[in-house]
């Protein structure tokens, strides 16, 4: 069964910027989905900010193995209710790949628990990405480095927690460097952040970038059954403890508990 993937796109720049519209006439989200669908192991559909519930209903997320997220201009317009759903889905085992400016998306900031800030410059400069782990599934089939002729610069420091793995480091023509490929585990879900993808440049038409996207979805996929209630914190009574114990000392909650007088 193919990996059921939803590519979520903000779909704002495509509607208001002629350069973006020419570069991605069907939207960046559709370009990414078309790329992923070239792989027989992946089945990709799309969702956008403008759809009811941003196209991410509880039912759809329950059927999604990996979610791909691109956002930039309208992070604040994303419903907090949908953010809660996405994070619950990740904690329960859904994979999530964040792209480019999604480092500032509400779900990413929630899952990282940090500012996720960085330095940046929009100058159309050359970016060279270096593979830091040759045997990682995300870098399978890639050269030791590859270049993008025009990209937006992101520079360190990057305000995220220490990652599980760093799989790419970027160097930019202006001299800055950036950790451009980071993996995380949150609950039962795998998370991959991949930096390239500024909307006015044809980054998602690049064959090497497309290879990373396909590898990233496959890495993020968790084939295990989802955790039904990832936020549950059940009490384990004394009589159900794995080893026999005697209850000792006062406790906060009890039958007929008296309050303060």
Protein backbone atom coordinates (compact mmCIF):
# COMPACT_ATOMS: atom_id res chain seq x y z
CA UNK A 1 0.00 0.00 0.00
CA UNK A 2 1.48 3.39 -0.95
CA UNK A 3 2.33 6.00 1.68
CA UNK A 4 -0.73 8.24 1.92
CA UNK A 5 0.66 11.78 1.79
CA UNK A 6 -1.04 15.17 1.97
CA UNK A 7 0.87 18.20 0.71
CA UNK A 8 -0.43 21.26 2.56
CA UNK A 9 0.21 24.59 0.87
CA UNK A 10 -0.56 28.09 2.03
CA UNK A 11 -1.48 28.97 -1.58
CA UNK A 12 -1.19 32.72 -1.03
CA UNK A 13 1.83 33.82 -3.07
CA UNK A 14 0.56 31.91 -6.10
CA UNK A 15 -2.60 34.06 -6.03
CA UNK A 16 -0.92 37.44 -5.64
CA UNK A 17 2.55 37.29 -7.19
CA UNK A 18 3.00 36.92 -10.95
CA UNK A 19 6.50 35.45 -10.64
CA UNK A 20 5.32 32.71 -8.30
CA UNK A 21 2.29 32.05 -10.50
CA UNK A 22 4.51 31.61 -13.56
CA UNK A 23 6.97 29.39 -11.72
CA UNK A 24 4.25 27.24 -10.16
CA UNK A 25 1.11 27.68 -12.32
CA UNK A 26 -0.76 24.98 -10.40
CA UNK A 27 0.64 26.05 -7.03
CA UNK A 28 3.71 24.89 -5.14
CA UNK A 29 1.61 22.31 -3.31
CA UNK A 30 0.56 20.70 -6.60
CA UNK A 31 4.11 20.77 -7.95
CA UNK A 32 5.33 18.95 -4.84
CA UNK A 33 2.45 16.46 -4.96
CA UNK A 34 3.11 15.75 -8.65
CA UNK A 35 6.76 15.09 -7.80
CA UNK A 36 5.87 12.70 -4.99
CA UNK A 37 3.38 10.86 -7.20
CA UNK A 38 6.21 9.96 -9.55
CA UNK A 39 7.24 7.44 -6.91
CA UNK A 40 5.01 4.33 -6.96
CA UNK A 41 5.45 3.99 -3.18
CA UNK A 42 3.79 7.36 -2.52
CA UNK A 43 0.22 8.53 -3.11
CA UNK A 44 0.02 12.32 -2.69
CA UNK A 45 -2.96 14.67 -2.61
CA UNK A 46 -3.14 18.35 -1.66
CA UNK A 47 -4.82 20.65 0.84
CA UNK A 48 -4.68 24.44 1.16
CA UNK A 49 -5.27 27.18 3.68
CA UNK A 50 -8.38 28.38 1.85
CA UNK A 51 -10.31 25.10 2.16
CA UNK A 52 -12.77 24.49 5.01
CA UNK A 53 -10.73 23.47 8.06
CA UNK A 54 -7.69 24.10 5.81
CA UNK A 55 -8.39 20.74 4.18
CA UNK A 56 -7.21 18.97 7.34
CA UNK A 57 -10.25 17.46 9.00
CA UNK A 58 -9.87 14.88 11.75
CA UNK A 59 -10.97 12.18 9.31
CA UNK A 60 -8.41 13.18 6.69
CA UNK A 61 -5.54 13.38 9.15
CA UNK A 62 -6.50 9.94 10.45
CA UNK A 63 -5.99 8.63 6.90
CA UNK A 64 -2.71 10.51 6.36
CA UNK A 65 0.60 8.71 6.80
CA UNK A 66 2.79 11.76 6.11
CA UNK A 67 1.87 15.44 5.98
CA UNK A 68 4.07 17.89 4.03
CA UNK A 69 3.77 21.55 5.11
CA UNK A 70 4.73 24.73 3.21
CA UNK A 71 3.78 28.12 4.62
CA UNK A 72 5.15 31.67 4.71
CA UNK A 73 2.90 34.72 4.51
CA UNK A 74 -0.12 33.53 6.50
CA UNK A 75 1.15 31.53 9.46
CA UNK A 76 -1.18 33.50 11.74
CA UNK A 77 -4.23 32.60 9.66
CA UNK A 78 -3.92 28.90 10.48
CA UNK A 79 -6.61 27.83 12.92
CA UNK A 80 -5.35 26.82 16.36
CA UNK A 81 -7.89 23.99 16.29
CA UNK A 82 -6.22 22.60 13.16
CA UNK A 83 -2.80 23.04 14.78
CA UNK A 84 -4.00 20.98 17.73
CA UNK A 85 -5.19 18.25 15.35
CA UNK A 86 -1.91 18.19 13.45
CA UNK A 87 0.18 17.94 16.61
CA UNK A 88 -2.07 15.19 18.00
CA UNK A 89 -1.66 13.30 14.73
CA UNK A 90 2.14 13.58 14.94
CA UNK A 91 2.20 12.45 18.56
CA UNK A 92 0.07 9.48 17.56
CA UNK A 93 2.42 8.46 14.73
CA UNK A 94 1.83 10.58 11.61
CA UNK A 95 5.00 11.75 9.84
CA UNK A 96 5.48 15.44 9.07
CA UNK A 97 7.89 17.17 6.68
CA UNK A 98 8.23 20.95 7.06
CA UNK A 99 9.60 22.93 4.11
CA UNK A 100 11.45 26.26 3.96
CA UNK A 101 9.48 29.04 5.73
CA UNK A 102 7.44 26.45 7.59
CA UNK A 103 10.12 26.80 10.26
CA UNK A 104 7.81 29.57 11.54
CA UNK A 105 4.56 27.65 11.08
CA UNK A 106 2.41 27.17 14.15
CA UNK A 107 2.68 23.35 14.15
CA UNK A 108 6.49 23.47 13.85
CA UNK A 109 6.87 25.99 16.66
CA UNK A 110 4.50 23.96 18.84
CA UNK A 111 6.33 20.72 18.21
CA UNK A 112 9.76 22.29 18.69
CA UNK A 113 8.79 24.29 21.78
CA UNK A 114 11.24 27.03 20.82
CA UNK A 115 11.36 30.36 18.91
CA UNK A 116 12.56 28.70 15.65
CA UNK A 117 14.09 32.03 14.61
CA UNK A 118 16.97 32.57 12.19
CA UNK A 119 18.67 35.20 10.02
CA UNK A 120 17.70 35.61 6.36
CA UNK A 121 18.37 37.52 3.15
CA UNK A 122 16.44 37.45 -0.15
CA UNK A 123 19.15 38.01 -2.76
CA UNK A 124 18.91 35.08 -5.16
CA UNK A 125 22.33 33.79 -4.17
CA UNK A 126 23.89 30.39 -4.74
CA UNK A 127 23.36 27.73 -2.09
CA UNK A 128 25.49 24.63 -1.72
CA UNK A 129 24.03 21.83 0.40
CA UNK A 130 26.41 19.31 1.90
CA UNK A 131 25.35 15.81 2.90
CA UNK A 132 26.49 15.15 6.47
CA UNK A 133 25.36 11.52 6.66
CA UNK A 134 25.99 9.45 3.52
CA UNK A 135 24.15 6.38 4.78
CA UNK A 136 20.99 8.18 5.93
CA UNK A 137 17.74 7.17 4.17
CA UNK A 138 16.99 10.82 3.36
CA UNK A 139 20.31 11.22 1.50
CA UNK A 140 20.04 7.95 -0.42
CA UNK A 141 21.11 8.40 -4.04
CA UNK A 142 22.48 11.93 -3.53
CA UNK A 143 25.96 13.25 -4.27
CA UNK A 144 28.13 14.54 -1.42
CA UNK A 145 26.93 18.06 -2.25
CA UNK A 146 24.63 19.83 -4.69
CA UNK A 147 23.96 23.44 -5.63
CA UNK A 148 20.92 25.61 -6.15
CA UNK A 149 21.78 28.60 -8.31
CA UNK A 150 19.25 30.94 -6.69
CA UNK A 151 17.87 30.68 -3.18
CA UNK A 152 16.95 32.76 -0.15
CA UNK A 153 19.63 32.73 2.53
CA UNK A 154 18.85 31.32 5.97
CA UNK A 155 21.65 31.71 8.50
CA UNK A 156 22.58 30.50 11.94
CA UNK A 157 21.84 30.64 14.76
CA UNK A 158 18.70 28.59 14.17
CA UNK A 159 16.53 28.65 17.29
CA UNK A 160 15.46 25.01 17.37
CA UNK A 161 16.20 22.19 19.82
CA UNK A 162 19.18 19.96 19.15
CA UNK A 163 17.96 17.60 16.40
CA UNK A 164 17.98 13.85 16.37
CA UNK A 165 20.18 14.09 13.26
CA UNK A 166 21.56 16.78 10.97
CA UNK A 167 21.57 15.46 7.42
CA UNK A 168 22.31 18.64 5.42
CA UNK A 169 24.37 21.76 6.03
CA UNK A 170 24.12 24.70 3.62
CA UNK A 171 26.71 27.27 2.59
CA UNK A 172 25.53 30.45 0.90
CA UNK A 173 27.33 32.73 -1.53
CA UNK A 174 27.30 35.53 1.05
CA UNK A 175 29.22 33.34 3.49
CA UNK A 176 26.56 32.15 5.94
CA UNK A 177 25.94 28.51 6.85
CA UNK A 178 22.74 26.80 8.01
CA UNK A 179 21.58 23.40 9.23
CA UNK A 180 19.26 22.72 6.30
CA UNK A 181 18.12 19.17 7.01
CA UNK A 182 17.07 18.22 10.54
CA UNK A 183 15.19 15.22 11.91
CA UNK A 184 13.19 14.95 15.11
CA UNK A 185 11.03 12.45 16.96
CA UNK A 186 7.94 13.81 18.68
CA UNK A 187 5.78 11.22 20.37
CA UNK A 188 5.44 8.41 17.84
CA UNK A 189 5.87 10.77 14.86
CA UNK A 190 8.92 11.41 12.71
CA UNK A 191 9.63 15.03 11.67
CA UNK A 192 11.94 16.24 8.90
CA UNK A 193 12.73 19.91 8.29
CA UNK A 194 14.18 20.71 4.84
CA UNK A 195 15.23 24.32 4.21
CA UNK A 196 15.22 25.07 0.41
CA UNK A 197 12.04 26.29 -1.29
CA UNK A 198 11.72 30.05 -1.60
CA UNK A 199 8.62 30.77 -3.64
CA UNK A 200 10.10 33.05 -6.33
CA UNK A 201 12.76 30.52 -7.37
CA UNK A 202 12.20 27.19 -9.18
CA UNK A 203 13.60 25.10 -6.32
CA UNK A 204 10.90 22.43 -6.40
CA UNK A 205 11.61 21.81 -10.08
CA UNK A 206 15.18 20.77 -9.22
CA UNK A 207 15.72 17.02 -9.63
CA UNK A 208 17.93 16.65 -6.54
CA UNK A 209 15.49 18.56 -4.35
CA UNK A 210 12.72 16.33 -5.68
CA UNK A 211 14.76 13.27 -4.70
CA UNK A 212 15.10 14.64 -1.16
CA UNK A 213 11.33 15.20 -0.95
CA UNK A 214 10.62 11.59 -1.93
CA UNK A 215 13.25 10.24 0.45
CA UNK A 216 11.93 12.50 3.21
CA UNK A 217 8.38 11.18 2.92
CA UNK A 218 9.61 7.60 3.05
CA UNK A 219 11.76 8.30 6.10
CA UNK A 220 8.94 10.10 7.94
CA UNK A 221 6.49 7.25 7.39
CA UNK A 222 5.78 5.19 10.52
CA UNK A 223 4.12 1.88 9.56
CA UNK A 224 3.01 1.12 13.13
CA UNK A 225 -0.63 1.46 14.17
CA UNK A 226 -1.44 4.95 15.42
CA UNK A 227 -1.68 5.62 19.15
CA UNK A 228 -5.39 6.15 19.74
CA UNK A 229 -5.15 8.77 22.52
CA UNK A 230 -1.69 10.34 22.52
CA UNK A 231 -2.61 12.80 25.28
CA UNK A 232 -4.04 10.21 27.68
CA UNK A 233 -2.43 9.93 31.12
CA UNK A 234 -4.33 7.10 32.87
CA UNK A 235 -4.08 6.34 36.57
CA UNK A 236 -2.75 2.88 37.50
CA UNK A 237 -4.44 1.79 40.76
CA UNK A 238 -2.50 -0.10 43.44
CA UNK A 239 -4.31 -3.36 42.74
CA UNK A 240 -3.27 -3.30 39.05
CA UNK A 241 0.45 -2.57 39.60
CA UNK A 242 2.72 -5.16 37.92
CA UNK A 243 4.26 -5.99 41.31
CA UNK A 244 2.29 -6.31 44.55
CA UNK A 245 2.59 -3.21 46.73
CA UNK A 246 0.89 -1.73 49.79
CA UNK A 247 -0.50 1.75 49.70
CA UNK A 248 1.31 4.05 52.14
CA UNK A 249 1.09 7.68 53.10
CA UNK A 250 -1.48 10.36 52.29
CA UNK A 251 -2.60 11.04 48.75
CA UNK A 252 -4.19 13.98 47.00
CA UNK A 253 -7.17 12.17 45.48
CA UNK A 254 -9.33 9.73 47.42
CA UNK A 255 -12.95 8.74 47.90
CA UNK A 256 -14.69 11.14 50.23
CA UNK A 257 -11.72 13.50 50.22
CA UNK A 258 -12.16 16.45 52.48
CA UNK A 259 -11.17 19.90 51.32
CA UNK A 260 -9.59 22.73 53.26
CA UNK A 261 -11.61 24.13 56.14
